[in-house]
PDB file of all heavy atoms in Angstrom:
ATOM      1  N   GLU A   1     -53.504 -32.053   1.640  1.00  0.00           N
ATOM      2  CA  GLU A   1     -52.694 -31.192   2.385  1.00  0.00           C
ATOM      3  C   GLU A   1     -51.429 -30.631   1.658  1.00  0.00           C
ATOM      4  O   GLU A   1     -50.987 -31.347   0.786  1.00  0.00           O
ATOM      5  CB  GLU A   1     -52.186 -31.951   3.649  1.00  0.00           C
ATOM      6  CG  GLU A   1     -53.399 -32.427   4.590  1.00  0.00           C
ATOM      7  CD  GLU A   1     -54.149 -31.159   5.216  1.00  0.00           C
ATOM      8  OE1 GLU A   1     -53.428 -30.165   5.411  1.00  0.00           O
ATOM      9  OE2 GLU A   1     -55.286 -31.343   5.537  1.00  0.00           O
ATOM     10  N   ASP A   2     -50.937 -29.553   2.112  1.00  0.00           N
ATOM     11  CA  ASP A   2     -49.820 -28.993   1.322  1.00  0.00           C
ATOM     12  C   ASP A   2     -48.577 -29.851   1.402  1.00  0.00           C
ATOM     13  O   ASP A   2     -47.672 -29.839   0.671  1.00  0.00           O
ATOM     14  CB  ASP A   2     -49.554 -27.590   1.837  1.00  0.00           C
ATOM     15  CG  ASP A   2     -50.628 -26.583   1.453  1.00  0.00           C
ATOM     16  OD1 ASP A   2     -51.351 -26.887   0.540  1.00  0.00           O
ATOM     17  OD2 ASP A   2     -50.780 -25.571   2.203  1.00  0.00           O
ATOM     18  N   ASN A   3     -48.503 -30.634   2.499  1.00  0.00           N
ATOM     19  CA  ASN A   3     -47.258 -31.387   2.757  1.00  0.00           C
ATOM     20  C   ASN A   3     -47.333 -32.854   2.152  1.00  0.00           C
ATOM     21  O   ASN A   3     -46.565 -33.659   2.431  1.00  0.00           O
ATOM     22  CB  ASN A   3     -46.988 -31.534   4.245  1.00  0.00           C
ATOM     23  CG  ASN A   3     -48.093 -32.149   5.063  1.00  0.00           C
ATOM     24  OD1 ASN A   3     -49.145 -32.441   4.430  1.00  0.00           O
ATOM     25  ND2 ASN A   3     -47.872 -32.352   6.272  1.00  0.00           N
ATOM     26  N   ALA A   4     -48.453 -33.095   1.337  1.00  0.00           N
ATOM     27  CA  ALA A   4     -48.553 -34.453   0.719  1.00  0.00           C
ATOM     28  C   ALA A   4     -47.419 -34.601  -0.277  1.00  0.00           C
ATOM     29  O   ALA A   4     -47.053 -33.669  -1.018  1.00  0.00           O
ATOM     30  CB  ALA A   4     -49.897 -34.571   0.076  1.00  0.00           C
ATOM     31  N   SER A   5     -46.883 -35.840  -0.367  1.00  0.00           N
ATOM     32  CA  SER A   5     -45.794 -36.009  -1.268  1.00  0.00           C
ATOM     33  C   SER A   5     -45.820 -37.442  -1.683  1.00  0.00           C
ATOM     34  O   SER A   5     -46.314 -38.388  -1.048  1.00  0.00           O
ATOM     35  CB  SER A   5     -44.373 -35.721  -0.610  1.00  0.00           C
ATOM     36  OG  SER A   5     -44.230 -36.521   0.536  1.00  0.00           O
ATOM     37  N   ALA A   6     -45.202 -37.731  -2.885  1.00  0.00           N
ATOM     38  CA  ALA A   6     -45.077 -39.109  -3.405  1.00  0.00           C
ATOM     39  C   ALA A   6     -43.701 -39.620  -3.100  1.00  0.00           C
ATOM     40  O   ALA A   6     -42.706 -38.858  -3.003  1.00  0.00           O
ATOM     41  CB  ALA A   6     -45.301 -39.045  -4.966  1.00  0.00           C
ATOM     42  N   ARG A   7     -43.648 -40.902  -2.823  1.00  0.00           N
ATOM     43  CA  ARG A   7     -42.368 -41.486  -2.551  1.00  0.00           C
ATOM     44  C   ARG A   7     -42.098 -42.612  -3.491  1.00  0.00           C
ATOM     45  O   ARG A   7     -42.850 -43.478  -3.794  1.00  0.00           O
ATOM     46  CB  ARG A   7     -42.434 -42.121  -1.072  1.00  0.00           C
ATOM     47  CG  ARG A   7     -41.094 -42.762  -0.694  1.00  0.00           C
ATOM     48  CD  ARG A   7     -41.123 -42.989   0.847  1.00  0.00           C
ATOM     49  NE  ARG A   7     -42.123 -43.983   1.207  1.00  0.00           N
ATOM     50  CZ  ARG A   7     -42.035 -45.256   1.294  1.00  0.00           C
ATOM     51  NH1 ARG A   7     -40.806 -45.793   0.939  1.00  0.00           N
ATOM     52  NH2 ARG A   7     -43.007 -46.089   1.558  1.00  0.00           N
ATOM     53  N   CYS A   8     -40.810 -42.592  -4.118  1.00  0.00           N
ATOM     54  CA  CYS A   8     -40.404 -43.623  -5.081  1.00  0.00           C
ATOM     55  C   CYS A   8     -40.104 -44.949  -4.267  1.00  0.00           C
ATOM     56  O   CYS A   8     -39.406 -44.949  -3.269  1.00  0.00           O
ATOM     57  CB  CYS A   8     -39.222 -43.234  -5.800  1.00  0.00           C
ATOM     58  SG  CYS A   8     -38.536 -44.369  -6.962  1.00  0.00           S
ATOM     59  N   ARG A   9     -40.776 -45.975  -4.675  1.00  0.00           N
ATOM     60  CA  ARG A   9     -40.612 -47.353  -3.989  1.00  0.00           C
ATOM     61  C   ARG A   9     -39.381 -48.094  -4.603  1.00  0.00           C
ATOM     62  O   ARG A   9     -38.784 -48.747  -3.845  1.00  0.00           O
ATOM     63  CB  ARG A   9     -41.884 -48.150  -4.131  1.00  0.00           C
ATOM     64  CG  ARG A   9     -43.117 -47.453  -3.567  1.00  0.00           C
ATOM     65  CD  ARG A   9     -42.957 -47.456  -2.033  1.00  0.00           C
ATOM     66  NE  ARG A   9     -42.867 -48.892  -1.470  1.00  0.00           N
ATOM     67  CZ  ARG A   9     -43.970 -49.656  -1.236  1.00  0.00           C
ATOM     68  NH1 ARG A   9     -45.205 -49.144  -1.442  1.00  0.00           N
ATOM     69  NH2 ARG A   9     -43.820 -50.861  -0.761  1.00  0.00           N
ATOM     70  N   ARG A  10     -39.212 -47.994  -5.870  1.00  0.00           N
ATOM     71  CA  ARG A  10     -38.155 -48.734  -6.582  1.00  0.00           C
ATOM     72  C   ARG A  10     -37.807 -48.138  -7.832  1.00  0.00           C
ATOM     73  O   ARG A  10     -38.681 -47.543  -8.545  1.00  0.00           O
ATOM     74  CB  ARG A  10     -38.639 -50.161  -6.673  1.00  0.00           C
ATOM     75  CG  ARG A  10     -37.558 -51.118  -7.199  1.00  0.00           C
ATOM     76  CD  ARG A  10     -38.061 -52.542  -7.028  1.00  0.00           C
ATOM     77  NE  ARG A  10     -38.150 -52.885  -5.604  1.00  0.00           N
ATOM     78  CZ  ARG A  10     -38.837 -53.918  -5.206  1.00  0.00           C
ATOM     79  NH1 ARG A  10     -39.500 -54.722  -5.994  1.00  0.00           N
ATOM     80  NH2 ARG A  10     -38.936 -54.202  -3.804  1.00  0.00           N
ATOM     81  N   VAL A  11     -36.536 -48.298  -8.279  1.00  0.00           N
ATOM     82  CA  VAL A  11     -36.084 -47.670  -9.509  1.00  0.00           C
ATOM     83  C   VAL A  11     -35.531 -48.787 -10.446  1.00  0.00           C
ATOM     84  O   VAL A  11     -34.711 -49.644 -10.016  1.00  0.00           O
ATOM     85  CB  VAL A  11     -34.989 -46.628  -9.414  1.00  0.00           C
ATOM     86  CG1 VAL A  11     -34.547 -46.111 -10.763  1.00  0.00           C
ATOM     87  CG2 VAL A  11     -35.560 -45.424  -8.533  1.00  0.00           C
ATOM     88  N   TYR A  12     -36.096 -48.959 -11.755  1.00  0.00           N
ATOM     89  CA  TYR A  12     -35.639 -49.946 -12.638  1.00  0.00           C
ATOM     90  C   TYR A  12     -34.914 -49.097 -13.742  1.00  0.00           C
ATOM     91  O   TYR A  12     -35.540 -48.513 -14.531  1.00  0.00           O
ATOM     92  CB  TYR A  12     -36.838 -50.686 -13.304  1.00  0.00           C
ATOM     93  CG  TYR A  12     -37.663 -51.378 -12.246  1.00  0.00           C
ATOM     94  CD1 TYR A  12     -38.743 -50.674 -11.570  1.00  0.00           C
ATOM     95  CD2 TYR A  12     -37.576 -52.721 -11.935  1.00  0.00           C
ATOM     96  CE1 TYR A  12     -39.544 -51.324 -10.639  1.00  0.00           C
ATOM     97  CE2 TYR A  12     -38.311 -53.358 -11.008  1.00  0.00           C
ATOM     98  CZ  TYR A  12     -39.333 -52.628 -10.375  1.00  0.00           C
ATOM     99  OH  TYR A  12     -40.141 -53.275  -9.483  1.00  0.00           O
ATOM    100  N   ALA A  13     -33.652 -49.047 -13.581  1.00  0.00           N
ATOM    101  CA  ALA A  13     -32.908 -48.053 -14.427  1.00  0.00           C
ATOM    102  C   ALA A  13     -31.963 -48.676 -15.345  1.00  0.00           C
ATOM    103  O   ALA A  13     -31.512 -49.850 -15.343  1.00  0.00           O
ATOM    104  CB  ALA A  13     -32.121 -47.049 -13.464  1.00  0.00           C
ATOM    105  N   HIS A  14     -31.559 -47.848 -16.393  1.00  0.00           N
ATOM    106  CA  HIS A  14     -30.449 -48.078 -17.321  1.00  0.00           C
ATOM    107  C   HIS A  14     -30.633 -49.308 -18.143  1.00  0.00           C
ATOM    108  O   HIS A  14     -29.736 -50.051 -18.502  1.00  0.00           O
ATOM    109  CB  HIS A  14     -29.059 -48.199 -16.487  1.00  0.00           C
ATOM    110  CG  HIS A  14     -28.876 -47.108 -15.573  1.00  0.00           C
ATOM    111  ND1 HIS A  14     -28.811 -45.728 -15.993  1.00  0.00           N
ATOM    112  CD2 HIS A  14     -28.655 -47.110 -14.237  1.00  0.00           C
ATOM    113  CE1 HIS A  14     -28.579 -45.014 -14.964  1.00  0.00           C
ATOM    114  NE2 HIS A  14     -28.489 -45.711 -13.857  1.00  0.00           N
ATOM    115  N   ALA A  15     -31.877 -49.541 -18.578  1.00  0.00           N
ATOM    116  CA  ALA A  15     -32.172 -50.710 -19.374  1.00  0.00           C
ATOM    117  C   ALA A  15     -32.516 -50.354 -20.858  1.00  0.00           C
ATOM    118  O   ALA A  15     -32.423 -51.141 -21.698  1.00  0.00           O
ATOM    119  CB  ALA A  15     -33.292 -51.579 -18.844  1.00  0.00           C
ATOM    120  N   HIS A  16     -32.822 -49.070 -21.103  1.00  0.00           N
ATOM    121  CA  HIS A  16     -33.257 -48.536 -22.316  1.00  0.00           C
ATOM    122  C   HIS A  16     -32.252 -47.475 -22.908  1.00  0.00           C
ATOM    123  O   HIS A  16     -31.863 -46.622 -22.102  1.00  0.00           O
ATOM    124  CB  HIS A  16     -34.625 -48.076 -22.249  1.00  0.00           C
ATOM    125  CG  HIS A  16     -35.701 -49.115 -22.114  1.00  0.00           C
ATOM    126  ND1 HIS A  16     -36.208 -49.872 -23.196  1.00  0.00           N
ATOM    127  CD2 HIS A  16     -36.287 -49.571 -20.933  1.00  0.00           C
ATOM    128  CE1 HIS A  16     -37.153 -50.694 -22.664  1.00  0.00           C
ATOM    129  NE2 HIS A  16     -37.197 -50.560 -21.389  1.00  0.00           N
ATOM    130  N   ASP A  17     -32.046 -47.507 -24.216  1.00  0.00           N
ATOM    131  CA  ASP A  17     -31.195 -46.571 -24.803  1.00  0.00           C
ATOM    132  C   ASP A  17     -32.037 -45.357 -25.341  1.00  0.00           C
ATOM    133  O   ASP A  17     -31.573 -44.259 -25.691  1.00  0.00           O
ATOM    134  CB  ASP A  17     -30.424 -47.086 -25.967  1.00  0.00           C
ATOM    135  CG  ASP A  17     -29.372 -48.125 -25.446  1.00  0.00           C
ATOM    136  OD1 ASP A  17     -28.885 -47.889 -24.423  1.00  0.00           O
ATOM    137  OD2 ASP A  17     -29.126 -49.087 -26.205  1.00  0.00           O
ATOM    138  N   PHE A  18     -33.389 -45.546 -25.481  1.00  0.00           N
ATOM    139  CA  PHE A  18     -34.244 -44.503 -26.030  1.00  0.00           C
ATOM    140  C   PHE A  18     -35.434 -44.387 -25.059  1.00  0.00           C
ATOM    141  O   PHE A  18     -35.647 -45.124 -24.143  1.00  0.00           O
ATOM    142  CB  PHE A  18     -34.840 -44.915 -27.382  1.00  0.00           C
ATOM    143  CG  PHE A  18     -33.616 -45.310 -28.392  1.00  0.00           C
ATOM    144  CD1 PHE A  18     -33.368 -46.569 -28.739  1.00  0.00           C
ATOM    145  CD2 PHE A  18     -32.958 -44.215 -29.022  1.00  0.00           C
ATOM    146  CE1 PHE A  18     -32.334 -46.893 -29.639  1.00  0.00           C
ATOM    147  CE2 PHE A  18     -31.936 -44.534 -29.857  1.00  0.00           C
ATOM    148  CZ  PHE A  18     -31.570 -45.794 -30.190  1.00  0.00           C
ATOM    149  N   ASN A  19     -36.218 -43.375 -25.402  1.00  0.00           N
ATOM    150  CA  ASN A  19     -37.296 -43.060 -24.461  1.00  0.00           C
ATOM    151  C   ASN A  19     -38.326 -44.196 -24.480  1.00  0.00           C
ATOM    152  O   ASN A  19     -38.673 -44.778 -25.387  1.00  0.00           O
ATOM    153  CB  ASN A  19     -37.998 -41.821 -24.946  1.00  0.00           C
ATOM    154  CG  ASN A  19     -37.197 -40.520 -24.682  1.00  0.00           C
ATOM    155  OD1 ASN A  19     -36.342 -40.482 -23.882  1.00  0.00           O
ATOM    156  ND2 ASN A  19     -37.534 -39.490 -25.526  1.00  0.00           N
ATOM    157  N   ILE A  20     -38.785 -44.523 -23.205  1.00  0.00           N
ATOM    158  CA  ILE A  20     -39.763 -45.597 -23.034  1.00  0.00           C
ATOM    159  C   ILE A  20     -41.155 -45.135 -23.521  1.00  0.00           C
ATOM    160  O   ILE A  20     -41.608 -44.041 -23.070  1.00  0.00           O
ATOM    161  CB  ILE A  20     -39.873 -46.046 -21.544  1.00  0.00           C
ATOM    162  CG1 ILE A  20     -38.559 -46.668 -21.086  1.00  0.00           C
ATOM    163  CG2 ILE A  20     -40.978 -47.047 -21.304  1.00  0.00           C
ATOM    164  CD1 ILE A  20     -38.398 -46.986 -19.566  1.00  0.00           C
ATOM    165  N   ASN A  21     -41.816 -45.850 -24.394  1.00  0.00           N
ATOM    166  CA  ASN A  21     -43.114 -45.552 -24.909  1.00  0.00           C
ATOM    167  C   ASN A  21     -44.271 -46.392 -24.293  1.00  0.00           C
ATOM    168  O   ASN A  21     -45.435 -45.932 -24.494  1.00  0.00           O
ATOM    169  CB  ASN A  21     -43.173 -45.548 -26.431  1.00  0.00           C
ATOM    170  CG  ASN A  21     -42.796 -46.923 -26.986  1.00  0.00           C
ATOM    171  OD1 ASN A  21     -43.273 -47.934 -26.482  1.00  0.00           O
ATOM    172  ND2 ASN A  21     -41.878 -46.939 -28.000  1.00  0.00           N
ATOM    173  N   SER A  22     -43.961 -47.519 -23.653  1.00  0.00           N
ATOM    174  CA  SER A  22     -44.983 -48.348 -23.175  1.00  0.00           C
ATOM    175  C   SER A  22     -44.516 -49.141 -21.888  1.00  0.00           C
ATOM    176  O   SER A  22     -43.391 -49.508 -21.799  1.00  0.00           O
ATOM    177  CB  SER A  22     -45.471 -49.364 -24.169  1.00  0.00           C
ATOM    178  OG  SER A  22     -45.955 -48.754 -25.323  1.00  0.00           O
ATOM    179  N   ILE A  23     -45.468 -49.265 -20.939  1.00  0.00           N
ATOM    180  CA  ILE A  23     -45.166 -50.169 -19.850  1.00  0.00           C
ATOM    181  C   ILE A  23     -46.582 -50.927 -19.613  1.00  0.00           C
ATOM    182  O   ILE A  23     -47.583 -50.346 -19.588  1.00  0.00           O
ATOM    183  CB  ILE A  23     -44.916 -49.342 -18.509  1.00  0.00           C
ATOM    184  CG1 ILE A  23     -43.509 -48.759 -18.660  1.00  0.00           C
ATOM    185  CG2 ILE A  23     -44.866 -50.249 -17.337  1.00  0.00           C
ATOM    186  CD1 ILE A  23     -43.146 -47.787 -17.502  1.00  0.00           C
ATOM    187  N   SER A  24     -46.439 -52.299 -19.413  1.00  0.00           N
ATOM    188  CA  SER A  24     -47.645 -53.090 -19.279  1.00  0.00           C
ATOM    189  C   SER A  24     -47.383 -54.135 -18.208  1.00  0.00           C
ATOM    190  O   SER A  24     -46.411 -54.932 -18.312  1.00  0.00           O
ATOM    191  CB  SER A  24     -47.990 -53.664 -20.591  1.00  0.00           C
ATOM    192  OG  SER A  24     -49.188 -54.459 -20.470  1.00  0.00           O
ATOM    193  N   ASN A  25     -48.310 -54.253 -17.250  1.00  0.00           N
ATOM    194  CA  ASN A  25     -48.195 -55.262 -16.232  1.00  0.00           C
ATOM    195  C   ASN A  25     -48.769 -56.623 -16.809  1.00  0.00           C
ATOM    196  O   ASN A  25     -49.660 -56.682 -17.641  1.00  0.00           O
ATOM    197  CB  ASN A  25     -49.061 -54.912 -14.999  1.00  0.00           C
ATOM    198  CG  ASN A  25     -48.363 -53.865 -14.155  1.00  0.00           C
ATOM    199  OD1 ASN A  25     -47.201 -53.836 -14.074  1.00  0.00           O
ATOM    200  ND2 ASN A  25     -49.145 -52.975 -13.689  1.00  0.00           N
ATOM    201  N   ASN A  26     -48.146 -57.744 -16.359  1.00  0.00           N
ATOM    202  CA  ASN A  26     -48.585 -59.000 -16.752  1.00  0.00           C
ATOM    203  C   ASN A  26     -49.650 -59.527 -15.850  1.00  0.00           C
ATOM    204  O   ASN A  26     -49.747 -59.144 -14.691  1.00  0.00           O
ATOM    205  CB  ASN A  26     -47.391 -59.950 -16.695  1.00  0.00           C
ATOM    206  CG  ASN A  26     -47.602 -61.298 -17.549  1.00  0.00           C
ATOM    207  OD1 ASN A  26     -48.728 -61.616 -17.927  1.00  0.00           O
ATOM    208  ND2 ASN A  26     -46.572 -62.001 -17.892  1.00  0.00           N
ATOM    209  N   SER A  27     -50.558 -60.381 -16.391  1.00  0.00           N
ATOM    210  CA  SER A  27     -51.631 -60.935 -15.620  1.00  0.00           C
ATOM    211  C   SER A  27     -51.161 -61.922 -14.593  1.00  0.00           C
ATOM    212  O   SER A  27     -51.875 -62.295 -13.657  1.00  0.00           O
ATOM    213  CB  SER A  27     -52.575 -61.743 -16.539  1.00  0.00           C
ATOM    214  OG  SER A  27     -51.941 -62.794 -17.255  1.00  0.00           O
ATOM    215  N   ASP A  28     -49.866 -62.334 -14.511  1.00  0.00           N
ATOM    216  CA  ASP A  28     -49.309 -63.216 -13.505  1.00  0.00           C
ATOM    217  C   ASP A  28     -49.016 -62.440 -12.155  1.00  0.00           C
ATOM    218  O   ASP A  28     -48.799 -62.983 -11.172  1.00  0.00           O
ATOM    219  CB  ASP A  28     -48.071 -63.975 -13.940  1.00  0.00           C
ATOM    220  CG  ASP A  28     -46.951 -63.012 -14.283  1.00  0.00           C
ATOM    221  OD1 ASP A  28     -46.990 -61.801 -14.074  1.00  0.00           O
ATOM    222  OD2 ASP A  28     -45.990 -63.521 -14.957  1.00  0.00           O
ATOM    223  N   GLY A  29     -49.080 -61.107 -12.293  1.00  0.00           N
ATOM    224  CA  GLY A  29     -48.839 -60.236 -11.083  1.00  0.00           C
ATOM    225  C   GLY A  29     -47.409 -60.261 -10.657  1.00  0.00           C
ATOM    226  O   GLY A  29     -47.066 -59.630  -9.560  1.00  0.00           O
ATOM    227  N   GLU A  30     -46.468 -60.789 -11.387  1.00  0.00           N
ATOM    228  CA  GLU A  30     -45.084 -60.845 -11.049  1.00  0.00           C
ATOM    229  C   GLU A  30     -44.190 -60.127 -11.957  1.00  0.00           C
ATOM    230  O   GLU A  30     -43.035 -59.824 -11.592  1.00  0.00           O
ATOM    231  CB  GLU A  30     -44.607 -62.298 -10.923  1.00  0.00           C
ATOM    232  CG  GLU A  30     -45.379 -63.147  -9.890  1.00  0.00           C
ATOM    233  CD  GLU A  30     -44.903 -64.606  -9.876  1.00  0.00           C
ATOM    234  OE1 GLU A  30     -44.131 -64.951 -10.715  1.00  0.00           O
ATOM    235  OE2 GLU A  30     -45.490 -65.290  -9.015  1.00  0.00           O
ATOM    236  N   THR A  31     -44.550 -59.982 -13.210  1.00  0.00           N
ATOM    237  CA  THR A  31     -43.635 -59.342 -14.245  1.00  0.00           C
ATOM    238  C   THR A  31     -44.385 -58.336 -15.000  1.00  0.00           C
ATOM    239  O   THR A  31     -45.626 -58.083 -14.909  1.00  0.00           O
ATOM    240  CB  THR A  31     -43.265 -60.451 -15.280  1.00  0.00           C
ATOM    241  OG1 THR A  31     -44.324 -60.994 -15.858  1.00  0.00           O
ATOM    242  CG2 THR A  31     -42.397 -61.554 -14.593  1.00  0.00           C
ATOM    243  N   TYR A  32     -43.607 -57.456 -15.779  1.00  0.00           N
ATOM    244  CA  TYR A  32     -44.170 -56.484 -16.582  1.00  0.00           C
ATOM    245  C   TYR A  32     -43.109 -56.209 -17.695  1.00  0.00           C
ATOM    246  O   TYR A  32     -41.969 -56.643 -17.714  1.00  0.00           O
ATOM    247  CB  TYR A  32     -44.371 -55.126 -15.853  1.00  0.00           C
ATOM    248  CG  TYR A  32     -43.122 -54.344 -15.431  1.00  0.00           C
ATOM    249  CD1 TYR A  32     -42.733 -53.304 -16.254  1.00  0.00           C
ATOM    250  CD2 TYR A  32     -42.456 -54.575 -14.231  1.00  0.00           C
ATOM    251  CE1 TYR A  32     -41.546 -52.564 -15.928  1.00  0.00           C
ATOM    252  CE2 TYR A  32     -41.341 -53.926 -13.894  1.00  0.00           C
ATOM    253  CZ  TYR A  32     -40.862 -52.839 -14.798  1.00  0.00           C
ATOM    254  OH  TYR A  32     -39.733 -52.080 -14.363  1.00  0.00           O
ATOM    255  N   ILE A  33     -43.608 -55.547 -18.756  1.00  0.00           N
ATOM    256  CA  ILE A  33     -42.647 -55.182 -19.872  1.00  0.00           C
ATOM    257  C   ILE A  33     -42.628 -53.668 -20.043  1.00  0.00           C
ATOM    258  O   ILE A  33     -43.407 -52.918 -19.625  1.00  0.00           O
ATOM    259  CB  ILE A  33     -43.208 -55.709 -21.234  1.00  0.00           C
ATOM    260  CG1 ILE A  33     -44.660 -55.229 -21.496  1.00  0.00           C
ATOM    261  CG2 ILE A  33     -43.034 -57.267 -21.266  1.00  0.00           C
ATOM    262  CD1 ILE A  33     -45.123 -55.602 -22.861  1.00  0.00           C
TER     263      ILE A  33
END
């Protein structure tokens, strides 16, 4: 539908000084890098 939209659930901000090149979830289901 034309009114479909994405919603941001959470923002993890201001931790990097340069562009992020990788994100990977951990197998513990609780953390990521």
